[in-house]
Amino acid sequence: GCVLRADGGTADGGAADDAGAPDASALGGLGAPCAAAADCDLGDGGDAVCATRVRMSDVRFPGGYCSRACADDAACPEGAVCWQASTIDGFCVATCGPLDARCRPDYSCGTPATGTLDDATPICHPSGS
């Protein structure tokens, strides 16, 4: 089902730079904490997952991370890229910039040492990954 944003989705036109704003997180948007996929709605009608760990890796997502399984950036909503966190797990993760504070506690903005990205886009990833 559809979930309407508290702002009706019209105040900011859904700009890419608001993916980590409180209104998205309150509704279980990309990067929000979660316990199950039902806690997540990425806002674009696609399937959401609650990522808690990366298979074949020591990487964990503290508090869960609303995301989507992906093989490439095209599978991800606006404001996200596909992080191939291991040989079998790819997750849509929020992009970020060095001057914003969009990443949650226990997450860092940058290029993770684990896995691969299609380019060097900084992402919100579990700290230490």
C-alpha atoms as a PDB file:
ATOM      1  CA  GLY A   1       0.000   0.000   0.000  1.00  0.00           C
ATOM      2  CA  CYS A   2       0.901   3.599  -0.316  1.00  0.00           C
ATOM      3  CA  VAL A   3       2.094   5.651   2.597  1.00  0.00           C
ATOM      4  CA  LEU A   4       1.681   9.400   2.401  1.00  0.00           C
ATOM      5  CA  ARG A   5       4.429  11.589   3.760  1.00  0.00           C
ATOM      6  CA  ALA A   6       3.420  13.856   6.609  1.00  0.00           C
ATOM      7  CA  ASP A   7       4.046  16.847   4.332  1.00  0.00           C
ATOM      8  CA  GLY A   8       1.813  15.391   1.617  1.00  0.00           C
ATOM      9  CA  GLY A   9       4.843  14.970  -0.593  1.00  0.00           C
ATOM     10  CA  THR A  10       4.424  18.399  -2.125  1.00  0.00           C
ATOM     11  CA  ALA A  11       6.305  20.852   0.080  1.00  0.00           C
ATOM     12  CA  ASP A  12       9.740  19.961  -1.250  1.00  0.00           C
ATOM     13  CA  GLY A  13       8.880  18.118  -4.452  1.00  0.00           C
ATOM     14  CA  GLY A  14      10.758  15.065  -3.222  1.00  0.00           C
ATOM     15  CA  ALA A  15      14.195  16.557  -3.766  1.00  0.00           C
ATOM     16  CA  ALA A  16      17.012  14.016  -3.685  1.00  0.00           C
ATOM     17  CA  ASP A  17      18.760  15.855  -0.876  1.00  0.00           C
ATOM     18  CA  ASP A  18      15.988  15.078   1.646  1.00  0.00           C
ATOM     19  CA  ALA A  19      16.306  11.264   1.663  1.00  0.00           C
ATOM     20  CA  GLY A  20      17.450  11.316   5.295  1.00  0.00           C
ATOM     21  CA  ALA A  21      15.095  14.040   6.498  1.00  0.00           C
ATOM     22  CA  PRO A  22      12.976  13.315   9.577  1.00  0.00           C
ATOM     23  CA  ASP A  23       9.748  12.948   7.573  1.00  0.00           C
ATOM     24  CA  ALA A  24      11.242  10.068   5.538  1.00  0.00           C
ATOM     25  CA  SER A  25      12.760   8.345   8.584  1.00  0.00           C
ATOM     26  CA  ALA A  26       9.512   8.552  10.557  1.00  0.00           C
ATOM     27  CA  LEU A  27       7.821   6.550   7.797  1.00  0.00           C
ATOM     28  CA  GLY A  28      10.578   3.951   7.449  1.00  0.00           C
ATOM     29  CA  GLY A  29      12.164   5.517   4.386  1.00  0.00           C
ATOM     30  CA  LEU A  30      15.552   4.636   2.933  1.00  0.00           C
ATOM     31  CA  GLY A  31      18.110   4.225   5.722  1.00  0.00           C
ATOM     32  CA  ALA A  32      15.572   4.271   8.554  1.00  0.00           C
ATOM     33  CA  PRO A  33      15.951   1.854  11.489  1.00  0.00           C
ATOM     34  CA  CYS A  34      13.798  -1.269  11.236  1.00  0.00           C
ATOM     35  CA  ALA A  35      13.130  -4.718  12.651  1.00  0.00           C
ATOM     36  CA  ALA A  36      11.314  -6.159   9.601  1.00  0.00           C
ATOM     37  CA  ALA A  37      10.539  -5.272   5.976  1.00  0.00           C
ATOM     38  CA  ALA A  38       7.028  -4.225   7.065  1.00  0.00           C
ATOM     39  CA  ASP A  39       8.651  -1.293   8.912  1.00  0.00           C
ATOM     40  CA  CYS A  40       9.977   0.103   5.623  1.00  0.00           C
ATOM     41  CA  ASP A  41       8.479   2.020   2.692  1.00  0.00           C
ATOM     42  CA  LEU A  42      10.964   3.521   0.253  1.00  0.00           C
ATOM     43  CA  GLY A  43       8.220   5.687  -1.206  1.00  0.00           C
ATOM     44  CA  ASP A  44       8.459   4.505  -4.803  1.00  0.00           C
ATOM     45  CA  GLY A  45       6.214   1.443  -4.694  1.00  0.00           C
ATOM     46  CA  GLY A  46       9.095  -1.039  -4.935  1.00  0.00           C
ATOM     47  CA  ASP A  47       9.896  -3.895  -2.577  1.00  0.00           C
ATOM     48  CA  ALA A  48      11.668  -2.900   0.626  1.00  0.00           C
ATOM     49  CA  VAL A  49      13.860  -4.999   2.907  1.00  0.00           C
ATOM     50  CA  CYS A  50      15.137  -4.487   6.424  1.00  0.00           C
ATOM     51  CA  ALA A  51      18.861  -5.128   6.090  1.00  0.00           C
ATOM     52  CA  THR A  52      20.435  -6.389   9.305  1.00  0.00           C
ATOM     53  CA  ARG A  53      23.597  -8.078   8.026  1.00  0.00           C
ATOM     54  CA  VAL A  54      25.537  -8.844   4.874  1.00  0.00           C
ATOM     55  CA  ARG A  55      25.812 -12.531   4.009  1.00  0.00           C
ATOM     56  CA  MET A  56      29.359 -13.862   3.543  1.00  0.00           C
ATOM     57  CA  SER A  57      30.677 -10.842   5.443  1.00  0.00           C
ATOM     58  CA  ASP A  58      31.119  -9.517   8.982  1.00  0.00           C
ATOM     59  CA  VAL A  59      29.179  -6.350   8.114  1.00  0.00           C
ATOM     60  CA  ARG A  60      26.111  -5.670  10.271  1.00  0.00           C
ATOM     61  CA  PHE A  61      23.544  -2.873   9.951  1.00  0.00           C
ATOM     62  CA  PRO A  62      23.102  -1.513  13.517  1.00  0.00           C
ATOM     63  CA  GLY A  63      19.398  -1.089  14.307  1.00  0.00           C
ATOM     64  CA  GLY A  64      18.421  -2.408  10.862  1.00  0.00           C
ATOM     65  CA  TYR A  65      18.476  -0.359   7.634  1.00  0.00           C
ATOM     66  CA  CYS A  66      15.471   0.111   5.352  1.00  0.00           C
ATOM     67  CA  SER A  67      16.720  -0.721   1.891  1.00  0.00           C
ATOM     68  CA  ARG A  68      16.136  -2.817  -1.223  1.00  0.00           C
ATOM     69  CA  ALA A  69      18.127  -5.692  -2.685  1.00  0.00           C
ATOM     70  CA  CYS A  70      19.836  -4.565  -5.881  1.00  0.00           C
ATOM     71  CA  ALA A  71      22.283  -5.521  -8.593  1.00  0.00           C
ATOM     72  CA  ASP A  72      22.760  -1.993  -9.961  1.00  0.00           C
ATOM     73  CA  ASP A  73      21.894   1.642  -9.250  1.00  0.00           C
ATOM     74  CA  ALA A  74      18.794   1.504 -11.495  1.00  0.00           C
ATOM     75  CA  ALA A  75      17.032  -0.683  -8.892  1.00  0.00           C
ATOM     76  CA  CYS A  76      17.374   2.006  -6.211  1.00  0.00           C
ATOM     77  CA  PRO A  77      15.127   4.982  -5.437  1.00  0.00           C
ATOM     78  CA  GLU A  78      16.240   8.557  -6.012  1.00  0.00           C
ATOM     79  CA  GLY A  79      19.011   9.591  -3.630  1.00  0.00           C
ATOM     80  CA  ALA A  80      20.437   6.065  -3.398  1.00  0.00           C
ATOM     81  CA  VAL A  81      22.996   3.846  -5.100  1.00  0.00           C
ATOM     82  CA  CYS A  82      23.569   0.095  -5.062  1.00  0.00           C
ATOM     83  CA  TRP A  83      26.326  -1.052  -2.697  1.00  0.00           C
ATOM     84  CA  GLN A  84      27.552  -4.549  -3.562  1.00  0.00           C
ATOM     85  CA  ALA A  85      28.396  -5.309   0.060  1.00  0.00           C
ATOM     86  CA  SER A  86      29.480  -8.896  -0.687  1.00  0.00           C
ATOM     87  CA  THR A  87      29.553 -11.285  -3.630  1.00  0.00           C
ATOM     88  CA  ILE A  88      25.902 -12.214  -2.999  1.00  0.00           C
ATOM     89  CA  ASP A  89      24.358  -9.152  -1.314  1.00  0.00           C
ATOM     90  CA  GLY A  90      23.704  -5.755  -2.840  1.00  0.00           C
ATOM     91  CA  PHE A  91      21.698  -3.087  -0.989  1.00  0.00           C
ATOM     92  CA  CYS A  92      20.372   0.336  -1.921  1.00  0.00           C
ATOM     93  CA  VAL A  93      22.008   2.850   0.417  1.00  0.00           C
ATOM     94  CA  ALA A  94      21.568   6.584   0.839  1.00  0.00           C
ATOM     95  CA  THR A  95      24.114   8.859  -0.745  1.00  0.00           C
ATOM     96  CA  CYS A  96      25.564  11.621   1.402  1.00  0.00           C
ATOM     97  CA  GLY A  97      27.957  14.538   1.285  1.00  0.00           C
ATOM     98  CA  PRO A  98      30.777  15.584   3.609  1.00  0.00           C
ATOM     99  CA  LEU A  99      28.892  18.688   4.746  1.00  0.00           C
ATOM    100  CA  ASP A 100      25.565  17.113   5.650  1.00  0.00           C
ATOM    101  CA  ALA A 101      24.581  15.124   8.713  1.00  0.00           C
ATOM    102  CA  ARG A 102      22.191  12.679   7.065  1.00  0.00           C
ATOM    103  CA  CYS A 103      23.740   9.438   8.287  1.00  0.00           C
ATOM    104  CA  ARG A 104      22.332   7.858  11.453  1.00  0.00           C
ATOM    105  CA  PRO A 105      24.432   7.204  14.549  1.00  0.00           C
ATOM    106  CA  ASP A 106      26.695   4.150  13.970  1.00  0.00           C
ATOM    107  CA  TYR A 107      26.806   4.976  10.220  1.00  0.00           C
ATOM    108  CA  SER A 108      29.519   6.911   8.395  1.00  0.00           C
ATOM    109  CA  CYS A 109      29.454   8.990   5.226  1.00  0.00           C
ATOM    110  CA  GLY A 110      32.113   7.895   2.758  1.00  0.00           C
ATOM    111  CA  THR A 111      33.246   5.052   0.554  1.00  0.00           C
ATOM    112  CA  PRO A 112      33.270   1.785   2.535  1.00  0.00           C
ATOM    113  CA  ALA A 113      36.298  -0.491   2.497  1.00  0.00           C
ATOM    114  CA  THR A 114      33.975  -3.491   2.117  1.00  0.00           C
ATOM    115  CA  GLY A 115      32.288  -4.350  -1.167  1.00  0.00           C
ATOM    116  CA  THR A 116      32.048  -2.239  -4.310  1.00  0.00           C
ATOM    117  CA  LEU A 117      30.154   0.738  -5.716  1.00  0.00           C
ATOM    118  CA  ASP A 118      29.726   1.574  -9.398  1.00  0.00           C
ATOM    119  CA  ASP A 119      31.602   4.800  -8.687  1.00  0.00           C
ATOM    120  CA  ALA A 120      33.130   6.555  -5.701  1.00  0.00           C
ATOM    121  CA  THR A 121      29.847   8.121  -4.535  1.00  0.00           C
ATOM    122  CA  PRO A 122      29.932   8.619  -0.756  1.00  0.00           C
ATOM    123  CA  ILE A 123      27.231   6.597   1.011  1.00  0.00           C
ATOM    124  CA  CYS A 124      25.854   6.133   4.524  1.00  0.00           C
ATOM    125  CA  HIS A 125      27.365   2.783   5.523  1.00  0.00           C
ATOM    126  CA  PRO A 126      27.795   0.952   8.835  1.00  0.00           C
ATOM    127  CA  SER A 127      30.780   2.473  10.647  1.00  0.00           C
ATOM    128  CA  GLY A 128      33.799   0.209  10.381  1.00  0.00           C
ATOM    129  CA  SER A 129      32.659  -1.444   7.112  1.00  0.00           C
END
